[in-house]
Every structure is written in C-alpha cells, then in structure tokens.
Amino acid sequence: MGEALVILGKGLSRRCLPMHLADGVRAVWTLNDDYLAGVTTLHFDIHTPYREAFVAPCAGGAPVMVMDRSACDAHDHAQLYPLDTVREHFGLTPGREYLATTPAYMLALALMTGKWDRIVLCGIDFPWQCRPEAIWERPCMEFYLGWGAARGVNIVVPEESSLLTTAEDGCRLPYGRHKLKRVSDPIVWAVTGVQHEPATRKKAVG
C-alpha cells in the first residue's frame, strides 16, 4: 500500500486519527500547540518570531520545522523549513510564495519529498463558517491538493471537511449539477459586505 502520512489539525475531523493509526499509519505531522508526545513524528511552527510554547515541548521527541532561524540557535531539535527548495520545486517566485496557512507548508513539504503514497488530512477542515480561513487559507490548501492528485497521491479528505466541496452547504457535486443554497453569509457577501439578490449573487460566485 506504500507509505502513508497524517497531517493533523484541530478541526472536527481529527477524530478519525485513531482509525488511521490502527490502520498502520506511523507518520503524523502536527502544528502549533498540538504536539502529541509519542505520536508526532514532525512538528511545525511557521510563525516569525517563533513561539517558544510551540517549539520547546518537542525537545527529546520529534523535530520541529520553523521559519525563524533563531529557533534553530535556541533548540537543537529545530530545523529550518526549506522554503527556497519548496519554492523552486513548485515553480513559485519570491514574493509569490502561495503558502497562506501552516497546513499548506506541511502539505507542500510532504509532496516535495515524494515519499508518501497516501496523505490523510485529519482536522484540516476549513469550515465555511470560519472566516477568514475559509476564504483565504482553504484555496491555498486545495492548490497543493491539486498538485498531489495530479501526481497520483491518494489524498484522503474526511467527510467532515469542507475541502474539495463546491458550495457552502458542503455539496460535492460539480458546478452546474447543484443549486446554490440561499444562505445568509455567502463568500461574496463576506468579502464585499454587500448582500446580493439571489440571481446576482449566483452570477457573482459562478
């Protein structure tokens, strides 16, 4: 079946982690204040300056990827995230590094290594109700999910996640096969502050 990786966040779908661990997954990448002793195999703190509370607990356990060089000076288990290599690998240019959220850094690194045949996103949900995450960060994750799918990586997205859905109601049908629900907080309204009439709103988001 090849090697599998879980990228773990704090969303609702993280409850699927025990199932995947029972299925033999041994690589679990975590982020921020969610280090799990005995489970985490690589941790991430992408903040600059780095957060001591996110990095220190990993000492004696998993290495931690950081963007702040001073974390590497202070902690032997800290490693500098290979941003230049990731940028070159995905054809990104300085100033246009499309890395809008820590899980995107994690997924990009995992894809760059080419090691994983299966990548499971547990707790990386970006629910539509969470602004601005659903607007700015979710598309970035789906950019790298597209890279993974194109390379034949088996991307596992739990049902609880809004990733790879086509409407705010969680619909998984392609555009044109479903009707947009008349919701009180569509993305267009969230961005512009203007609530459109249904016909105009549908055109605006289509």
Foldseek 3Di string as FASTA:
>chain_A
DAAEEEEEDAAPQLVCVVVVVVVPHQAYEYEFQPDDFPRHQEYEAADVVGDCNRQVVCVVHHAYEYCHVVVVVVGVSYDHQPVVLLCVVVVHDVVRPLQQDVVLSVLSVVVVVVRAQEYEYGRPALQPVDPPCVVRPLVSNVVSVVVCVVVNRHYHYDQNHLRCPDANVSHNDDPPPDDHDPDPDGPVCVVPVDDDDPVVVVVVVD
